[in-house]
Protein backbone atom coordinates (compact mmCIF):
# COMPACT_ATOMS: atom_id res chain seq x y z
CA MET A 1 -9.34 0.01 72.42
CA GLY A 2 -9.32 3.84 72.37
CA SER A 3 -6.53 6.38 72.15
CA ASP A 4 -6.50 6.59 75.95
CA THR A 5 -5.36 2.93 75.94
CA ASN A 6 -8.37 1.93 78.05
CA LEU A 7 -9.89 -1.33 76.89
CA LYS A 8 -13.54 -0.98 76.01
CA THR A 9 -15.84 -3.89 75.34
CA TYR A 10 -18.98 -3.30 73.29
CA ALA A 11 -21.39 -5.86 74.70
CA SER A 12 -23.84 -5.55 71.83
CA SER A 13 -21.15 -6.85 69.45
CA ILE A 14 -20.00 -9.91 71.38
CA ASN A 15 -20.59 -13.16 69.49
CA THR A 16 -21.50 -11.30 66.28
CA SER A 17 -19.54 -10.44 63.15
CA LEU A 18 -20.82 -6.83 63.14
CA LEU A 19 -19.49 -4.08 65.37
CA TYR A 20 -21.61 -0.94 65.69
CA ILE A 21 -20.49 2.04 67.76
CA GLU A 22 -22.48 5.19 68.39
CA PRO A 23 -20.47 8.21 67.21
CA ILE A 24 -20.53 9.78 70.64
CA GLN A 25 -18.85 6.67 72.12
CA LEU A 26 -15.83 6.86 69.82
CA PRO A 27 -13.11 9.15 71.21
CA VAL A 28 -11.27 11.68 69.06
CA GLY A 29 -7.92 10.42 67.83
CA ASP A 30 -6.58 7.01 66.83
CA ASN A 31 -8.64 3.97 67.74
CA ALA A 32 -7.64 0.35 67.32
CA PHE A 33 -10.15 -2.50 67.16
CA GLN A 34 -9.28 -6.16 67.48
CA LEU A 35 -11.31 -9.13 66.31
CA THR A 36 -10.80 -12.69 67.55
CA VAL A 37 -12.76 -15.56 66.01
CA ILE A 38 -13.36 -18.70 68.09
CA ASP A 39 -14.77 -21.77 66.37
CA ARG A 40 -17.14 -24.28 67.96
CA PHE A 41 -14.22 -26.40 69.13
CA GLY A 42 -12.77 -23.51 71.07
CA LYS A 43 -9.92 -22.90 68.66
CA VAL A 44 -8.85 -19.25 68.62
CA SER A 45 -7.88 -17.53 65.37
CA ASN A 46 -5.18 -14.95 64.88
CA VAL A 47 -6.13 -11.50 66.08
CA THR A 48 -7.17 -9.10 63.30
CA SER A 49 -6.80 -5.36 63.90
CA HIS A 50 -8.56 -2.41 62.30
CA TYR A 51 -7.60 1.22 62.92
CA VAL A 52 -9.96 4.20 62.86
CA THR A 53 -9.01 7.85 63.30
CA LYS A 54 -11.72 10.21 64.47
CA SER A 55 -11.20 13.84 63.54
CA SER A 56 -12.13 16.68 65.89
CA VAL A 57 -13.56 18.54 62.87
CA ALA A 58 -16.77 17.23 61.31
CA VAL A 59 -16.20 16.48 57.63
CA PRO A 60 -18.36 14.74 55.03
CA VAL A 61 -17.49 11.26 53.77
CA VAL A 62 -17.13 10.24 50.11
CA TYR A 63 -17.62 6.74 48.71
CA LEU A 64 -16.13 5.80 45.34
CA PRO A 65 -16.99 2.42 43.77
CA VAL A 66 -13.54 2.29 42.09
CA LEU A 67 -9.92 2.37 43.12
CA GLN A 68 -8.24 5.75 43.17
CA ARG A 69 -6.02 4.69 40.24
CA PHE A 70 -7.56 2.83 37.32
CA ASP A 71 -7.64 2.47 33.52
CA VAL A 72 -10.58 3.38 31.28
CA ASP A 73 -11.53 3.07 27.62
CA PRO A 74 -11.26 6.64 26.25
CA THR A 75 -13.38 5.81 23.18
CA ILE A 76 -16.57 5.67 25.28
CA ASP A 77 -18.08 8.04 27.82
CA VAL A 78 -16.70 7.52 31.32
CA ILE A 79 -18.83 8.07 34.42
CA ILE A 80 -17.32 7.84 37.91
CA ARG A 81 -20.10 7.70 40.46
CA SER A 82 -19.55 8.90 43.99
CA GLN A 83 -21.79 9.06 47.01
CA LEU A 84 -21.43 11.79 49.61
CA LYS A 85 -22.66 11.68 53.20
CA PRO A 86 -22.70 14.48 55.78
CA PRO A 87 -20.63 14.13 58.95
CA CYS A 88 -21.85 11.21 61.03
CA GLU A 89 -22.71 13.44 64.00
CA SER A 90 -24.59 15.96 61.86
CA LYS A 91 -28.07 14.89 60.82
CA LYS A 92 -28.97 18.25 59.33
CA GLY A 93 -26.02 19.00 57.10
CA SER A 94 -26.10 19.83 53.39
CA ILE A 95 -23.33 18.94 50.96
CA ARG A 96 -21.69 20.74 48.06
CA SER A 97 -19.32 18.98 45.71
CA VAL A 98 -17.09 20.18 42.88
CA TRP A 99 -15.11 18.02 40.42
CA SER A 100 -12.08 19.54 38.70
CA GLN A 101 -9.00 18.40 36.84
CA VAL A 102 -5.72 18.65 38.74
CA PHE A 103 -2.17 18.80 37.42
CA SER A 104 1.33 18.14 38.70
CA SER A 105 1.54 21.80 39.74
CA ASP A 106 -1.40 21.21 42.12
CA ALA A 107 0.50 18.69 44.27
CA ASN A 108 0.22 20.87 47.37
CA LYS A 109 -3.59 20.68 47.14
CA LEU A 110 -3.67 16.90 47.04
CA GLU A 111 -3.93 14.41 49.87
CA PRO A 112 -0.58 12.78 50.77
CA THR A 113 -1.18 9.55 48.83
CA ALA A 114 -2.17 11.39 45.65
CA ARG A 115 0.91 13.62 45.78
CA THR A 116 3.03 10.61 44.83
CA TRP A 117 1.09 10.30 41.55
CA ALA A 118 1.12 14.00 40.65
CA THR A 119 4.17 13.73 38.42
CA ASP A 120 2.19 11.36 36.16
CA PHE A 121 -0.68 13.81 35.60
CA ASN A 122 -0.79 15.01 31.99
CA SER A 123 -1.05 18.72 31.24
CA ARG A 124 -3.64 18.20 28.49
CA VAL A 125 -6.93 19.81 29.56
CA VAL A 126 -9.90 17.42 29.75
CA PRO A 127 -13.33 19.11 30.04
CA VAL A 128 -15.39 18.12 33.08
CA ALA A 129 -18.95 18.17 31.78
CA PHE A 130 -20.87 18.54 35.07
CA PRO A 131 -18.43 19.85 37.69
CA ASN A 132 -21.06 20.39 40.41
CA SER A 133 -22.36 16.84 40.24
CA THR A 134 -21.39 14.02 42.59
CA HIS A 135 -20.57 12.07 39.40
CA LEU A 136 -17.54 12.73 37.23
CA PHE A 137 -18.48 12.64 33.52
CA ILE A 138 -15.72 12.48 30.89
CA SER A 139 -16.83 12.54 27.25
CA ASN A 140 -15.36 10.03 24.81
CA GLY A 141 -12.45 11.25 22.75
CA THR A 142 -11.34 13.93 25.25
CA MET A 143 -8.51 11.85 26.77
CA TYR A 144 -5.50 10.95 24.66
CA PRO A 145 -4.66 7.22 24.69
CA GLY A 146 -1.81 6.21 26.97
CA GLU A 147 -1.93 9.36 29.09
CA SER A 148 -2.88 9.70 32.77
CA TYR A 149 -5.05 12.46 34.18
CA GLY A 150 -5.84 13.65 37.70
CA PHE A 151 -9.31 14.61 38.90
CA GLN A 152 -10.29 15.81 42.34
CA ILE A 153 -13.62 16.13 44.11
CA VAL A 154 -13.80 18.71 46.88
CA TYR A 155 -16.75 18.20 49.17
CA THR A 156 -17.91 20.57 51.89
CA SER A 157 -20.64 20.27 54.49
CA TRP A 158 -22.81 23.06 55.84
CA ASP A 159 -25.45 23.21 58.55
CA SER A 160 -28.67 23.56 56.58
CA GLN A 161 -30.36 25.47 59.41
CA THR A 162 -27.68 27.90 60.58
CA GLY A 163 -25.58 28.02 57.43
CA SER A 164 -22.44 27.45 59.47
CA PHE A 165 -19.52 25.59 57.93
CA LEU A 166 -19.14 22.03 59.22
CA GLY A 167 -16.08 20.79 57.36
CA SER A 168 -14.48 19.93 54.02
CA ALA A 169 -12.22 17.32 52.49
CA ASN A 170 -11.06 16.14 49.07
CA THR A 171 -10.34 12.92 47.22
CA THR A 172 -8.15 12.60 44.11
CA ILE A 173 -8.27 9.90 41.45
CA MET A 174 -5.92 9.16 38.55
CA VAL A 175 -7.48 7.96 35.30
CA THR A 176 -5.28 6.39 32.62
CA ALA A 177 -6.66 6.18 29.08
CA LYS A 178 -6.10 2.74 27.59
CA ILE A 179 -4.58 2.28 24.13
CA ILE A 180 -7.29 0.40 22.21
CA PRO A 181 -6.17 -1.97 19.41
CA VAL A 182 -6.94 -1.27 15.77
CA VAL A 183 -9.96 -3.19 14.43
CA ALA A 184 -9.49 -5.15 11.18
CA SER A 185 -12.45 -6.50 9.24
CA ILE A 186 -12.97 -8.15 5.84
CA ALA A 187 -16.53 -8.14 4.55
CA GLY A 188 -18.14 -11.18 2.95
CA GLY A 189 -17.49 -14.05 5.35
CA TYR A 190 -14.66 -16.01 6.96
CA GLU A 191 -14.55 -18.64 4.18
CA ARG A 192 -15.63 -18.16 0.57
CA THR A 193 -15.78 -20.08 -2.71
CA ILE A 194 -14.91 -18.06 -5.81
CA THR A 195 -14.84 -18.90 -9.49
CA VAL A 196 -11.62 -18.26 -11.42
CA PRO A 197 -11.10 -16.13 -13.27
CA THR A 198 -12.99 -13.90 -10.87
CA SER A 199 -14.24 -10.34 -10.60
CA VAL A 200 -14.46 -10.47 -6.79
CA SER A 201 -12.76 -7.90 -4.57
CA LEU A 202 -12.06 -8.29 -0.85
CA ASP A 203 -13.24 -5.26 1.10
CA ALA A 204 -11.61 -4.21 4.40
CA SER A 205 -13.01 -0.67 4.45
CA ALA A 206 -14.94 -1.43 7.66
CA SER A 207 -11.59 -1.56 9.51
CA TYR A 208 -10.89 1.40 11.76
CA ASP A 209 -8.86 2.87 14.58
CA PRO A 210 -11.09 3.34 17.67
CA HIS A 211 -9.09 6.49 18.48
CA LEU A 212 -10.26 7.93 15.13
CA PHE A 213 -6.79 8.13 13.58
CA SER A 214 -6.36 7.15 9.94
CA VAL A 215 -5.30 3.60 9.06
CA SER A 216 -3.28 1.99 6.28
CA TYR A 217 -3.63 -1.43 4.65
CA SER A 218 -1.31 -4.17 3.46
CA TRP A 219 -2.62 -7.33 1.75
CA SER A 220 -1.02 -10.72 1.23
CA VAL A 221 -2.31 -13.94 -0.38
CA MET A 222 -0.81 -17.37 0.22
CA GLU A 223 -1.54 -20.81 -1.23
CA VAL A 224 -2.42 -22.92 1.81
CA SER A 225 -1.09 -26.34 0.78
CA THR A 226 2.37 -25.12 -0.26
CA SER A 227 2.65 -21.92 1.83
CA THR A 228 3.61 -20.19 -1.42
CA VAL A 229 3.03 -16.44 -1.35
CA VAL A 230 1.22 -15.13 -4.42
CA ASP A 231 3.26 -12.57 -6.36
CA MET A 232 1.67 -9.16 -5.70
CA ARG A 233 4.53 -6.87 -6.65
CA SER A 234 2.59 -5.38 -9.57
CA ILE A 235 -0.77 -5.18 -7.77
CA THR A 236 -1.59 -1.58 -6.94
CA SER A 237 -4.54 -2.49 -4.71
CA LYS A 238 -2.36 -4.36 -2.18
CA THR A 239 -2.14 -1.19 -0.06
CA SER A 240 -5.78 -0.18 -0.52
CA ALA A 241 -8.84 -0.99 1.58
CA ALA A 242 -10.08 -3.30 -1.21
CA LEU A 243 -8.02 -6.02 -2.91
CA ASP A 244 -8.98 -6.76 -6.53
CA LEU A 245 -8.66 -10.54 -6.88
CA SER A 246 -9.10 -10.37 -10.66
CA SER A 247 -5.56 -8.98 -10.92
CA LEU A 248 -4.06 -12.08 -9.25
CA SER A 249 -3.02 -15.32 -10.92
CA LEU A 250 -5.10 -17.85 -8.95
CA ASN A 251 -5.32 -21.54 -9.80
CA ALA A 252 -8.59 -23.45 -9.86
CA SER A 253 -9.40 -26.04 -7.15
CA THR A 254 -6.92 -24.43 -4.78
CA ALA A 255 -7.21 -23.11 -1.23
CA TYR A 256 -5.80 -19.64 -0.52
CA LEU A 257 -5.44 -17.53 2.60
CA ALA A 258 -5.91 -13.80 2.05
CA GLN A 259 -4.84 -11.55 4.89
CA VAL A 260 -4.97 -7.81 5.50
CA THR A 261 -2.81 -5.99 8.04
CA VAL A 262 -4.41 -2.77 9.25
CA THR A 263 -1.99 -0.30 10.83
CA GLY A 264 -3.03 2.58 13.05
CA LYS A 265 -1.12 5.49 14.51
CA THR A 266 1.93 4.69 16.64
CA ILE A 267 1.23 5.74 20.23
CA GLN A 268 3.98 6.16 22.83
CA GLY A 269 6.43 4.42 20.52
CA ALA A 270 4.31 1.28 20.19
CA ALA A 271 3.30 0.19 16.69
CA ARG A 272 -0.35 -0.85 16.39
CA HIS A 273 -1.19 -3.59 13.88
CA THR A 274 -4.18 -5.90 13.63
CA LYS A 275 -4.66 -8.68 11.07
CA GLU A 276 -7.79 -10.24 9.60
CA LYS A 277 -7.99 -13.17 7.19
CA VAL A 278 -10.36 -14.96 4.87
CA TYR A 279 -10.00 -18.44 3.35
CA LEU A 280 -10.71 -18.68 -0.36
CA THR A 281 -11.44 -21.88 -2.27
CA THR A 282 -11.27 -21.51 -6.06
CA THR A 283 -13.28 -23.47 -8.58
CA SER A 284 -13.51 -23.48 -12.37
CA ASN A 285 -17.27 -24.08 -12.25
CA SER A 286 -19.28 -21.03 -13.20
CA GLY A 287 -21.00 -20.76 -9.82
CA PRO A 288 -22.35 -17.49 -8.41
CA ASP A 289 -20.06 -15.01 -6.69
CA LEU A 290 -21.21 -15.23 -3.08
CA SER A 291 -20.56 -13.16 0.02
CA ILE A 292 -22.23 -12.72 3.42
CA ASN A 293 -23.46 -9.33 4.54
CA VAL A 294 -23.85 -8.81 8.31
CA ILE A 295 -27.14 -7.02 8.96
CA PHE A 296 -26.85 -7.26 12.75
CA GLY A 297 -23.98 -8.84 14.68
CA PRO A 298 -20.17 -8.76 14.88
CA THR A 299 -18.50 -7.70 11.64
CA HIS A 300 -14.98 -8.80 12.57
CA SER A 301 -13.53 -11.83 14.31
CA GLN A 302 -12.40 -9.91 17.43
CA ASP A 303 -15.98 -9.04 18.35
CA LYS A 304 -18.39 -11.18 20.33
CA LEU A 305 -22.17 -11.30 20.09
CA ASN A 306 -24.11 -10.38 23.20
CA PRO A 307 -26.36 -13.40 24.00
CA ASN A 308 -29.25 -10.98 24.46
CA GLU A 309 -28.88 -9.67 20.91
CA LYS A 310 -30.04 -11.14 17.61
CA LEU A 311 -27.83 -12.27 14.72
CA SER A 312 -28.92 -11.38 11.19
CA LEU A 313 -26.95 -12.45 8.08
CA LYS A 314 -27.76 -12.00 4.41
CA ALA A 315 -26.18 -13.91 1.52
CA ILE A 316 -25.36 -11.74 -1.48
CA ALA A 317 -25.39 -13.60 -4.82
CA ARG A 318 -27.41 -14.10 -7.98
CA ALA A 319 -28.80 -17.54 -7.22
CA ASP A 320 -31.98 -19.60 -7.44
CA SER A 321 -31.96 -20.65 -3.77
CA PHE A 322 -29.85 -20.65 -0.62
CA LEU A 323 -29.15 -23.26 2.05
CA TRP A 324 -28.01 -22.19 5.52
CA GLU A 325 -26.24 -24.64 7.85
CA CYS A 326 -24.44 -24.54 11.21
CA THR A 327 -21.10 -26.24 10.57
CA SER A 328 -19.38 -25.62 13.93
CA HIS A 329 -18.76 -28.32 16.51
CA VAL A 330 -21.51 -26.72 18.62
CA SER A 331 -24.73 -28.29 17.37
CA LEU A 332 -27.66 -26.09 16.48
CA ASP A 333 -31.01 -27.69 15.70
CA PHE A 334 -32.45 -25.49 12.95
CA SER A 335 -35.78 -27.37 12.95
CA ALA A 336 -36.29 -26.97 16.70
CA LEU A 337 -35.29 -23.31 16.63
CA ASN A 338 -37.59 -22.69 13.66
CA ALA A 339 -40.46 -24.33 15.55
CA SER A 340 -39.79 -22.21 18.65
CA GLY A 341 -39.64 -19.03 16.60
CA LEU A 342 -36.04 -18.25 17.60
CA LEU A 343 -34.65 -18.85 14.09
CA ARG A 344 -35.86 -17.91 10.66
CA SER A 345 -34.22 -19.45 7.62
CA GLY A 346 -35.33 -21.04 4.40
CA PRO A 347 -34.59 -20.99 0.69
CA ASP A 348 -34.18 -17.20 0.78
CA SER A 349 -30.89 -15.41 1.38
CA GLN A 350 -31.36 -14.30 4.99
CA LEU A 351 -30.61 -16.04 8.29
CA LEU A 352 -32.05 -14.56 11.48
CA VAL A 353 -31.32 -15.96 14.94
CA LEU A 354 -33.29 -14.13 17.61
CA SER A 355 -32.18 -13.38 21.17
CA GLY A 356 -31.92 -16.60 23.17
CA GLY A 357 -31.22 -18.81 20.16
CA LEU A 358 -27.47 -19.08 20.81
CA THR A 359 -25.68 -20.29 23.93
CA ALA A 360 -23.39 -17.85 25.74
CA GLY A 361 -19.71 -18.80 25.60
CA SER A 362 -20.05 -20.94 22.46
CA THR A 363 -18.51 -20.31 19.02
CA TYR A 364 -20.73 -20.83 15.99
CA LYS A 365 -19.91 -21.15 12.30
CA PHE A 366 -22.66 -20.61 9.74
CA GLN A 367 -22.31 -21.68 6.10
CA VAL A 368 -24.54 -20.65 3.23
CA THR A 369 -24.65 -22.38 -0.14
CA ALA A 370 -25.93 -20.41 -3.11
CA ILE A 371 -27.38 -22.63 -5.82
CA SER A 372 -27.72 -21.46 -9.41
CA GLY A 373 -28.82 -24.23 -11.76
CA THR A 374 -26.29 -27.02 -11.36
CA ALA A 375 -23.57 -24.73 -10.04
CA SER A 376 -23.12 -23.60 -6.44
CA ALA A 377 -20.86 -21.58 -4.18
CA THR A 378 -20.39 -21.45 -0.41
CA ALA A 379 -19.43 -18.81 2.16
CA THR A 380 -18.92 -19.08 5.92
CA TYR A 381 -19.45 -16.66 8.81
CA GLN A 382 -17.95 -17.26 12.25
């Protein structure tokens, strides 16, 4: 149905779900198309309408695989890919494109929809690495978390033979930088057995703020069975990245929960805290001090292992031998995996699970026992 209100039927599209119209057949102006679906019983569906406006000036067309307003992680490089096509009636046109940052003061240069966002555009300048590319490239760390930025691509079309101008248009997008949580991590394993008195320290120095701001630490230790908080008023290391357990009064044969709160910079008035914990079981036996070092894999509980990646753990202790086990509810046949070559473990300190050895979507818990004479200690990684 064209702008002249004359009903036009496109015979080639009857009884098909695809409507194709030659450009020359489509009149300039507003065009409305209606689709009616009839099932095999003759039942007629509701009429669906689609509106197309044909411009009298030939302009190129841009395709963006994203919405015009979206959120991104500013701690990684961001690439917005676009595809440009010359005007549909010009088969010999060439295209030029330019990306640039736009600000609230540029509202008069924006398309009507984008003008309503302009007041949200931040004035902080973000470098556009390759402005003459059809792709917008934003380097990590150049957008401040929580802020929104405007970017516009202006695309023009020229006749490649005559050099005459065919048309131009622009599209604006708004990118909002997400506020990424602080990452807290305690080295050594999720559960550990320690001998008291002990010389062990808990190390959270791998914790960090993804936005590269400094972080602070606050430790607490609680006896699990009684929920009694261990007195740490005189412990100077309670606000450090490492907590010296030798300075605490810990009882033997007792379960404790040690927790660190890692605090990052407050952004837009929102405090940013992340906690990580480790369960400690004390013993009076003179077993080895044992911890688990992650060679390859997630180092903190918030992370997940890509099923296409390997997992490599190493037990750190002075011991005669080591025994690795999978103690999670998800069964893992060490013998079968060893036979298939997907797992390597033995009396040494290292556990290696190759790509394909773990099932996607499952949670695994690995426990290592370090044996030294008649004494032993255990540590767990999850």
